PDB file of N, CA and C in Angstrom:
ATOM      1  N   MET A   1    -176.825-163.750 -58.263  1.00  0.00           N
ATOM      2  CA  MET A   1    -176.017-162.682 -58.812  1.00  0.00           C
ATOM      3  C   MET A   1    -174.564-162.990 -58.501  1.00  0.00           C
ATOM      4  N   GLY A   2    -173.756-163.140 -59.565  1.00  0.00           N
ATOM      5  CA  GLY A   2    -172.352-163.470 -59.406  1.00  0.00           C
ATOM      6  C   GLY A   2    -171.495-162.236 -59.229  1.00  0.00           C
ATOM      7  N   VAL A   3    -170.328-162.445 -58.673  1.00  0.00           N
ATOM      8  CA  VAL A   3    -169.378-161.366 -58.461  1.00  0.00           C
ATOM      9  C   VAL A   3    -168.321-161.429 -59.559  1.00  0.00           C
ATOM     10  N   GLU A   4    -168.085-160.274 -60.189  1.00  0.00           N
ATOM     11  CA  GLU A   4    -167.061-160.195 -61.219  1.00  0.00           C
ATOM     12  C   GLU A   4    -165.937-159.309 -60.722  1.00  0.00           C
ATOM     13  N   ILE A   5    -164.727-159.759 -60.889  1.00  0.00           N
ATOM     14  CA  ILE A   5    -163.578-158.991 -60.438  1.00  0.00           C
ATOM     15  C   ILE A   5    -162.922-158.346 -61.648  1.00  0.00           C
ATOM     16  N   LEU A   6    -162.704-157.039 -61.566  1.00  0.00           N
ATOM     17  CA  LEU A   6    -162.059-156.292 -62.637  1.00  0.00           C
ATOM     18  C   LEU A   6    -160.592-156.088 -62.298  1.00  0.00           C
ATOM     19  N   THR A   7    -159.755-156.319 -63.273  1.00  0.00           N
ATOM     20  CA  THR A   7    -158.321-156.101 -63.083  1.00  0.00           C
ATOM     21  C   THR A   7    -157.920-154.766 -63.684  1.00  0.00           C
ATOM     22  N   ARG A   8    -156.709-154.352 -63.426  1.00  0.00           N
ATOM     23  CA  ARG A   8    -156.183-153.122 -64.026  1.00  0.00           C
ATOM     24  C   ARG A   8    -156.173-153.250 -65.550  1.00  0.00           C
ATOM     25  N   GLU A   9    -155.863-154.437 -66.025  1.00  0.00           N
ATOM     26  CA  GLU A   9    -155.826-154.658 -67.468  1.00  0.00           C
ATOM     27  C   GLU A   9    -157.213-154.472 -68.079  1.00  0.00           C
ATOM     28  N   ASP A  10    -158.248-154.950 -67.363  1.00  0.00           N
ATOM     29  CA  ASP A  10    -159.626-154.763 -67.828  1.00  0.00           C
ATOM     30  C   ASP A  10    -159.967-153.279 -67.920  1.00  0.00           C
ATOM     31  N   LEU A  11    -159.599-152.532 -66.904  1.00  0.00           N
ATOM     32  CA  LEU A  11    -159.884-151.101 -66.896  1.00  0.00           C
ATOM     33  C   LEU A  11    -159.100-150.374 -67.987  1.00  0.00           C
ATOM     34  N   GLN A  12    -157.847-150.766 -68.192  1.00  0.00           N
ATOM     35  CA  GLN A  12    -157.033-150.161 -69.243  1.00  0.00           C
ATOM     36  C   GLN A  12    -157.636-150.458 -70.615  1.00  0.00           C
ATOM     37  N   SER A  13    -158.084-151.661 -70.821  1.00  0.00           N
ATOM     38  CA  SER A  13    -158.716-152.046 -72.080  1.00  0.00           C
ATOM     39  C   SER A  13    -159.995-151.238 -72.309  1.00  0.00           C
ATOM     40  N   PHE A  14    -160.782-151.071 -71.269  1.00  0.00           N
ATOM     41  CA  PHE A  14    -162.000-150.267 -71.362  1.00  0.00           C
ATOM     42  C   PHE A  14    -161.666-148.819 -71.698  1.00  0.00           C
ATOM     43  N   ARG A  15    -160.639-148.277 -71.081  1.00  0.00           N
ATOM     44  CA  ARG A  15    -160.216-146.896 -71.329  1.00  0.00           C
ATOM     45  C   ARG A  15    -159.830-146.704 -72.790  1.00  0.00           C
ATOM     46  N   ILE A  16    -159.039-147.628 -73.307  1.00  0.00           N
ATOM     47  CA  ILE A  16    -158.595-147.542 -74.700  1.00  0.00           C
ATOM     48  C   ILE A  16    -159.784-147.642 -75.645  1.00  0.00           C
ATOM     49  N   GLN A  17    -160.684-148.556 -75.360  1.00  0.00           N
ATOM     50  CA  GLN A  17    -161.872-148.717 -76.200  1.00  0.00           C
ATOM     51  C   GLN A  17    -162.732-147.453 -76.169  1.00  0.00           C
ATOM     52  N   LEU A  18    -162.906-146.863 -75.005  1.00  0.00           N
ATOM     53  CA  LEU A  18    -163.693-145.636 -74.872  1.00  0.00           C
ATOM     54  C   LEU A  18    -163.042-144.486 -75.630  1.00  0.00           C
ATOM     55  N   LEU A  19    -161.727-144.334 -75.508  1.00  0.00           N
ATOM     56  CA  LEU A  19    -161.023-143.282 -76.233  1.00  0.00           C
ATOM     57  C   LEU A  19    -161.138-143.458 -77.747  1.00  0.00           C
ATOM     58  N   ASN A  20    -161.040-144.689 -78.213  1.00  0.00           N
ATOM     59  CA  ASN A  20    -161.186-144.946 -79.647  1.00  0.00           C
ATOM     60  C   ASN A  20    -162.582-144.587 -80.142  1.00  0.00           C
ATOM     61  N   GLU A  21    -163.591-144.908 -79.355  1.00  0.00           N
ATOM     62  CA  GLU A  21    -164.960-144.564 -79.736  1.00  0.00           C
ATOM     63  C   GLU A  21    -165.165-143.052 -79.740  1.00  0.00           C
ATOM     64  N   LEU A  22    -164.572-142.362 -78.764  1.00  0.00           N
ATOM     65  CA  LEU A  22    -164.667-140.903 -78.745  1.00  0.00           C
ATOM     66  C   LEU A  22    -163.977-140.295 -79.959  1.00  0.00           C
ATOM     67  N   LYS A  23    -162.823-140.818 -80.326  1.00  0.00           N
ATOM     68  CA  LYS A  23    -162.109-140.316 -81.501  1.00  0.00           C
ATOM     69  C   LYS A  23    -162.941-140.518 -82.765  1.00  0.00           C
ATOM     70  N   GLN A  24    -163.598-141.676 -82.874  1.00  0.00           N
ATOM     71  CA  GLN A  24    -164.458-141.916 -84.027  1.00  0.00           C
ATOM     72  C   GLN A  24    -165.611-140.920 -84.044  1.00  0.00           C
ATOM     73  N   PHE A  25    -166.210-140.697 -82.898  1.00  0.00           N
ATOM     74  CA  PHE A  25    -167.326-139.757 -82.804  1.00  0.00           C
ATOM     75  C   PHE A  25    -166.872-138.354 -83.164  1.00  0.00           C
ATOM     76  N   LEU A  26    -165.740-137.938 -82.631  1.00  0.00           N
ATOM     77  CA  LEU A  26    -165.230-136.601 -82.913  1.00  0.00           C
ATOM     78  C   LEU A  26    -164.836-136.457 -84.373  1.00  0.00           C
ATOM     79  N   GLY A  27    -164.390-137.532 -84.978  1.00  0.00           N
ATOM     80  CA  GLY A  27    -164.029-137.492 -86.384  1.00  0.00           C
ATOM     81  C   GLY A  27    -165.231-137.261 -87.283  1.00  0.00           C
ATOM     82  N   THR A  28    -166.403-137.664 -86.820  1.00  0.00           N
ATOM     83  CA  THR A  28    -167.613-137.478 -87.617  1.00  0.00           C
ATOM     84  C   THR A  28    -168.277-136.135 -87.365  1.00  0.00           C
ATOM     85  N   MET A  29    -167.825-135.429 -86.342  1.00  0.00           N
ATOM     86  CA  MET A  29    -168.412-134.112 -86.043  1.00  0.00           C
ATOM     87  C   MET A  29    -167.988-133.119 -87.120  1.00  0.00           C
ATOM     88  N   ALA A  30    -168.926-132.294 -87.500  1.00  0.00           N
ATOM     89  CA  ALA A  30    -168.608-131.253 -88.479  1.00  0.00           C
ATOM     90  C   ALA A  30    -167.800-130.160 -87.797  1.00  0.00           C
ATOM     91  N   VAL A  31    -166.756-129.704 -88.455  1.00  0.00           N
ATOM     92  CA  VAL A  31    -165.934-128.634 -87.926  1.00  0.00           C
ATOM     93  C   VAL A  31    -166.688-127.323 -88.130  1.00  0.00           C
ATOM     94  N   PRO A  32    -166.823-126.535 -87.092  1.00  0.00           N
ATOM     95  CA  PRO A  32    -167.564-125.279 -87.255  1.00  0.00           C
ATOM     96  C   PRO A  32    -166.845-124.335 -88.215  1.00  0.00           C
ATOM     97  N   ALA A  33    -167.618-123.439 -88.788  1.00  0.00           N
ATOM     98  CA  ALA A  33    -167.067-122.496 -89.763  1.00  0.00           C
ATOM     99  C   ALA A  33    -166.074-121.542 -89.120  1.00  0.00           C
ATOM    100  N   LYS A  34    -166.239-121.288 -87.832  1.00  0.00           N
ATOM    101  CA  LYS A  34    -165.337-120.347 -87.187  1.00  0.00           C
ATOM    102  C   LYS A  34    -164.301-121.063 -86.315  1.00  0.00           C
ATOM    103  N   GLN A  35    -163.143-120.458 -86.233  1.00  0.00           N
ATOM    104  CA  GLN A  35    -162.020-121.031 -85.489  1.00  0.00           C
ATOM    105  C   GLN A  35    -162.108-120.697 -84.004  1.00  0.00           C
ATOM    106  N   TRP A  36    -162.680-119.571 -83.656  1.00  0.00           N
ATOM    107  CA  TRP A  36    -162.774-119.120 -82.271  1.00  0.00           C
ATOM    108  C   TRP A  36    -164.209-119.177 -81.796  1.00  0.00           C
ATOM    109  N   LEU A  37    -164.407-119.686 -80.570  1.00  0.00           N
ATOM    110  CA  LEU A  37    -165.739-119.799 -79.990  1.00  0.00           C
ATOM    111  C   LEU A  37    -165.820-118.987 -78.706  1.00  0.00           C
ATOM    112  N   ARG A  38    -166.992-118.469 -78.424  1.00  0.00           N
ATOM    113  CA  ARG A  38    -167.226-117.740 -77.180  1.00  0.00           C
ATOM    114  C   ARG A  38    -167.537-118.727 -76.063  1.00  0.00           C
ATOM    115  N   SER A  39    -167.517-118.232 -74.832  1.00  0.00           N
ATOM    116  CA  SER A  39    -167.745-119.080 -73.656  1.00  0.00           C
ATOM    117  C   SER A  39    -169.059-119.849 -73.756  1.00  0.00           C
ATOM    118  N   ARG A  40    -170.123-119.179 -74.153  1.00  0.00           N
ATOM    119  CA  ARG A  40    -171.437-119.814 -74.241  1.00  0.00           C
ATOM    120  C   ARG A  40    -171.398-121.002 -75.205  1.00  0.00           C
ATOM    121  N   GLU A  41    -170.729-120.832 -76.331  1.00  0.00           N
ATOM    122  CA  GLU A  41    -170.635-121.898 -77.320  1.00  0.00           C
ATOM    123  C   GLU A  41    -169.796-123.069 -76.802  1.00  0.00           C
ATOM    124  N   VAL A  42    -168.737-122.747 -76.083  1.00  0.00           N
ATOM    125  CA  VAL A  42    -167.877-123.795 -75.510  1.00  0.00           C
ATOM    126  C   VAL A  42    -168.647-124.591 -74.463  1.00  0.00           C
ATOM    127  N   ARG A  43    -169.370-123.888 -73.609  1.00  0.00           N
ATOM    128  CA  ARG A  43    -170.157-124.581 -72.575  1.00  0.00           C
ATOM    129  C   ARG A  43    -171.188-125.503 -73.211  1.00  0.00           C
ATOM    130  N   ARG A  44    -171.816-125.051 -74.274  1.00  0.00           N
ATOM    131  CA  ARG A  44    -172.820-125.862 -74.959  1.00  0.00           C
ATOM    132  C   ARG A  44    -172.163-127.085 -75.612  1.00  0.00           C
ATOM    133  N   LEU A  45    -171.012-126.888 -76.221  1.00  0.00           N
ATOM    134  CA  LEU A  45    -170.304-127.977 -76.893  1.00  0.00           C
ATOM    135  C   LEU A  45    -169.809-129.030 -75.906  1.00  0.00           C
ATOM    136  N   LEU A  46    -169.234-128.576 -74.795  1.00  0.00           N
ATOM    137  CA  LEU A  46    -168.693-129.499 -73.792  1.00  0.00           C
ATOM    138  C   LEU A  46    -169.742-129.972 -72.788  1.00  0.00           C
ATOM    139  N   LYS A  47    -170.922-129.323 -72.816  1.00  0.00           N
ATOM    140  CA  LYS A  47    -172.012-129.636 -71.871  1.00  0.00           C
ATOM    141  C   LYS A  47    -171.532-129.472 -70.426  1.00  0.00           C
ATOM    142  N   ILE A  48    -171.000-128.273 -70.159  1.00  0.00           N
ATOM    143  CA  ILE A  48    -170.501-127.960 -68.824  1.00  0.00           C
ATOM    144  C   ILE A  48    -171.108-126.651 -68.342  1.00  0.00           C
ATOM    145  N   SER A  49    -170.985-126.399 -67.050  1.00  0.00           N
ATOM    146  CA  SER A  49    -171.513-125.180 -66.441  1.00  0.00           C
ATOM    147  C   SER A  49    -170.485-124.050 -66.552  1.00  0.00           C
ATOM    148  N   PRO A  50    -170.933-122.817 -66.320  1.00  0.00           N
ATOM    149  CA  PRO A  50    -169.980-121.702 -66.317  1.00  0.00           C
ATOM    150  C   PRO A  50    -168.858-121.905 -65.292  1.00  0.00           C
ATOM    151  N   ALA A  51    -169.188-122.471 -64.139  1.00  0.00           N
ATOM    152  CA  ALA A  51    -168.172-122.694 -63.101  1.00  0.00           C
ATOM    153  C   ALA A  51    -167.129-123.708 -63.558  1.00  0.00           C
ATOM    154  N   THR A  52    -167.558-124.740 -64.250  1.00  0.00           N
ATOM    155  CA  THR A  52    -166.621-125.740 -64.749  1.00  0.00           C
ATOM    156  C   THR A  52    -165.704-125.141 -65.805  1.00  0.00           C
ATOM    157  N   LEU A  53    -166.268-124.315 -66.675  1.00  0.00           N
ATOM    158  CA  LEU A  53    -165.443-123.653 -67.683  1.00  0.00           C
ATOM    159  C   LEU A  53    -164.413-122.748 -67.016  1.00  0.00           C
ATOM    160  N   GLN A  54    -164.820-122.072 -65.961  1.00  0.00           N
ATOM    161  CA  GLN A  54    -163.887-121.215 -65.224  1.00  0.00           C
ATOM    162  C   GLN A  54    -162.764-122.052 -64.613  1.00  0.00           C
ATOM    163  N   LYS A  55    -163.091-123.216 -64.075  1.00  0.00           N
ATOM    164  CA  LYS A  55    -162.066-124.105 -63.503  1.00  0.00           C
ATOM    165  C   LYS A  55    -161.073-124.553 -64.572  1.00  0.00           C
ATOM    166  N   LEU A  56    -161.585-124.851 -65.770  1.00  0.00           N
ATOM    167  CA  LEU A  56    -160.697-125.260 -66.867  1.00  0.00           C
ATOM    168  C   LEU A  56    -159.749-124.135 -67.255  1.00  0.00           C
ATOM    169  N   ARG A  57    -160.237-122.890 -67.169  1.00  0.00           N
ATOM    170  CA  ARG A  57    -159.373-121.744 -67.464  1.00  0.00           C
ATOM    171  C   ARG A  57    -158.338-121.561 -66.367  1.00  0.00           C
ATOM    172  N   ILE A  58    -158.776-121.615 -65.125  1.00  0.00           N
ATOM    173  CA  ILE A  58    -157.895-121.353 -63.979  1.00  0.00           C
ATOM    174  C   ILE A  58    -156.768-122.382 -63.894  1.00  0.00           C
ATOM    175  N   ASN A  59    -157.114-123.669 -64.071  1.00  0.00           N
ATOM    176  CA  ASN A  59    -156.063-124.689 -63.935  1.00  0.00           C
ATOM    177  C   ASN A  59    -155.256-124.884 -65.213  1.00  0.00           C
ATOM    178  N   GLY A  60    -155.548-124.082 -66.253  1.00  0.00           N
ATOM    179  CA  GLY A  60    -154.746-124.105 -67.461  1.00  0.00           C
ATOM    180  C   GLY A  60    -155.086-125.219 -68.439  1.00  0.00           C
ATOM    181  N   THR A  61    -156.158-125.937 -68.174  1.00  0.00           N
ATOM    182  CA  THR A  61    -156.563-127.018 -69.068  1.00  0.00           C
ATOM    183  C   THR A  61    -157.021-126.477 -70.407  1.00  0.00           C
ATOM    184  N   LEU A  62    -157.706-125.344 -70.385  1.00  0.00           N
ATOM    185  CA  LEU A  62    -158.234-124.755 -71.611  1.00  0.00           C
ATOM    186  C   LEU A  62    -157.714-123.333 -71.752  1.00  0.00           C
ATOM    187  N   GLN A  63    -156.938-123.101 -72.800  1.00  0.00           N
ATOM    188  CA  GLN A  63    -156.381-121.778 -73.064  1.00  0.00           C
ATOM    189  C   GLN A  63    -157.463-120.883 -73.664  1.00  0.00           C
ATOM    190  N   TYR A  64    -157.340-119.588 -73.455  1.00  0.00           N
ATOM    191  CA  TYR A  64    -158.319-118.647 -73.982  1.00  0.00           C
ATOM    192  C   TYR A  64    -157.634-117.324 -74.287  1.00  0.00           C
ATOM    193  N   SER A  65    -158.325-116.512 -75.057  1.00  0.00           N
ATOM    194  CA  SER A  65    -157.879-115.154 -75.338  1.00  0.00           C
ATOM    195  C   SER A  65    -159.020-114.230 -74.958  1.00  0.00           C
ATOM    196  N   LYS A  66    -158.671-113.118 -74.333  1.00  0.00           N
ATOM    197  CA  LYS A  66    -159.695-112.185 -73.886  1.00  0.00           C
ATOM    198  C   LYS A  66    -159.593-110.901 -74.708  1.00  0.00           C
ATOM    199  N   VAL A  67    -160.711-110.525 -75.310  1.00  0.00           N
ATOM    200  CA  VAL A  67    -160.808-109.290 -76.071  1.00  0.00           C
ATOM    201  C   VAL A  67    -161.925-108.479 -75.424  1.00  0.00           C
ATOM    202  N   GLY A  68    -161.542-107.375 -74.794  1.00  0.00           N
ATOM    203  CA  GLY A  68    -162.530-106.629 -74.014  1.00  0.00           C
ATOM    204  C   GLY A  68    -162.966-107.496 -72.850  1.00  0.00           C
ATOM    205  N   ASN A  69    -164.268-107.708 -72.734  1.00  0.00           N
ATOM    206  CA  ASN A  69    -164.802-108.570 -71.674  1.00  0.00           C
ATOM    207  C   ASN A  69    -165.235-109.933 -72.193  1.00  0.00           C
ATOM    208  N   ILE A  70    -164.888-110.243 -73.415  1.00  0.00           N
ATOM    209  CA  ILE A  70    -165.318-111.493 -74.029  1.00  0.00           C
ATOM    210  C   ILE A  70    -164.124-112.443 -74.137  1.00  0.00           C
ATOM    211  N   MET A  71    -164.341-113.697 -73.692  1.00  0.00           N
ATOM    212  CA  MET A  71    -163.304-114.713 -73.774  1.00  0.00           C
ATOM    213  C   MET A  71    -163.556-115.595 -74.986  1.00  0.00           C
ATOM    214  N   TYR A  72    -162.482-115.853 -75.735  1.00  0.00           N
ATOM    215  CA  TYR A  72    -162.553-116.686 -76.927  1.00  0.00           C
ATOM    216  C   TYR A  72    -161.660-117.910 -76.746  1.00  0.00           C
ATOM    217  N   TYR A  73    -162.114-119.028 -77.301  1.00  0.00           N
ATOM    218  CA  TYR A  73    -161.405-120.295 -77.184  1.00  0.00           C
ATOM    219  C   TYR A  73    -161.209-120.875 -78.579  1.00  0.00           C
ATOM    220  N   LYS A  74    -160.029-121.444 -78.828  1.00  0.00           N
ATOM    221  CA  LYS A  74    -159.769-122.078 -80.122  1.00  0.00           C
ATOM    222  C   LYS A  74    -160.527-123.400 -80.190  1.00  0.00           C
ATOM    223  N   TYR A  75    -161.160-123.628 -81.308  1.00  0.00           N
ATOM    224  CA  TYR A  75    -161.904-124.868 -81.508  1.00  0.00           C
ATOM    225  C   TYR A  75    -160.992-126.081 -81.352  1.00  0.00           C
ATOM    226  N   GLU A  76    -159.774-125.999 -81.903  1.00  0.00           N
ATOM    227  CA  GLU A  76    -158.852-127.143 -81.830  1.00  0.00           C
ATOM    228  C   GLU A  76    -158.459-127.457 -80.387  1.00  0.00           C
ATOM    229  N   ASP A  77    -158.376-126.430 -79.509  1.00  0.00           N
ATOM    230  CA  ASP A  77    -158.079-126.675 -78.094  1.00  0.00           C
ATOM    231  C   ASP A  77    -159.234-127.398 -77.406  1.00  0.00           C
ATOM    232  N   ILE A  78    -160.444-127.076 -77.798  1.00  0.00           N
ATOM    233  CA  ILE A  78    -161.617-127.727 -77.219  1.00  0.00           C
ATOM    234  C   ILE A  78    -161.627-129.207 -77.600  1.00  0.00           C
ATOM    235  N   ILE A  79    -161.289-129.496 -78.848  1.00  0.00           N
ATOM    236  CA  ILE A  79    -161.218-130.886 -79.294  1.00  0.00           C
ATOM    237  C   ILE A  79    -160.147-131.635 -78.504  1.00  0.00           C
ATOM    238  N   LYS A  80    -159.026-130.988 -78.239  1.00  0.00           N
ATOM    239  CA  LYS A  80    -157.961-131.618 -77.449  1.00  0.00           C
ATOM    240  C   LYS A  80    -158.448-131.935 -76.039  1.00  0.00           C
ATOM    241  N   VAL A  81    -159.236-131.036 -75.462  1.00  0.00           N
ATOM    242  CA  VAL A  81    -159.788-131.295 -74.127  1.00  0.00           C
ATOM    243  C   VAL A  81    -160.702-132.512 -74.188  1.00  0.00           C
ATOM    244  N   LEU A  82    -161.532-132.581 -75.212  1.00  0.00           N
ATOM    245  CA  LEU A  82    -162.425-133.725 -75.354  1.00  0.00           C
ATOM    246  C   LEU A  82    -161.650-135.034 -75.507  1.00  0.00           C
ATOM    247  N   GLU A  83    -160.538-134.968 -76.187  1.00  0.00           N
ATOM    248  CA  GLU A  83    -159.719-136.173 -76.388  1.00  0.00           C
ATOM    249  C   GLU A  83    -158.810-136.454 -75.205  1.00  0.00           C
ATOM    250  N   GLY A  84    -158.739-135.526 -74.250  1.00  0.00           N
ATOM    251  CA  GLY A  84    -157.902-135.737 -73.072  1.00  0.00           C
ATOM    252  C   GLY A  84    -156.432-135.550 -73.329  1.00  0.00           C
ATOM    253  N   LYS A  85    -156.082-134.786 -74.387  1.00  0.00           N
ATOM    254  CA  LYS A  85    -154.673-134.613 -74.738  1.00  0.00           C
ATOM    255  C   LYS A  85    -154.025-133.447 -74.005  1.00  0.00           C
ATOM    256  N   MET A  86    -154.796-132.566 -73.385  1.00  0.00           N
ATOM    257  CA  MET A  86    -154.209-131.426 -72.696  1.00  0.00           C
ATOM    258  C   MET A  86    -153.993-131.793 -71.237  1.00  0.00           C
ATOM    259  N   THR A  87    -153.122-131.097 -70.579  1.00  0.00           N
ATOM    260  CA  THR A  87    -152.811-131.391 -69.189  1.00  0.00           C
ATOM    261  C   THR A  87    -154.010-131.099 -68.315  1.00  0.00           C
ATOM    262  N   GLY A  88    -154.100-131.804 -67.207  1.00  0.00           N
ATOM    263  CA  GLY A  88    -155.172-131.570 -66.255  1.00  0.00           C
ATOM    264  C   GLY A  88    -156.378-132.478 -66.455  1.00  0.00           C
ATOM    265  N   ILE A  89    -156.316-133.354 -67.445  1.00  0.00           N
ATOM    266  CA  ILE A  89    -157.447-134.241 -67.702  1.00  0.00           C
ATOM    267  C   ILE A  89    -157.175-135.584 -67.078  1.00  0.00           C
TER     268      ILE A  89
END
């Protein structure tokens, strides 16, 4: 078993390749009919726990609007989180 050494350039190249593949995948996803999603839908889409979603709200990574006791999230903001374009990622 040989030893392979990874450089910063290798990791940067991998990062760029991974981001490009994610963008392609997200480009093929169907846009939902509704612009606003509830917490349950966001957790299912991002495959995260309620606690993780709460952390994203607290640290400002994911913006939300609260109507009564229900929190709503913009679909476009969720896509930005997936692409890593919002702060905190």
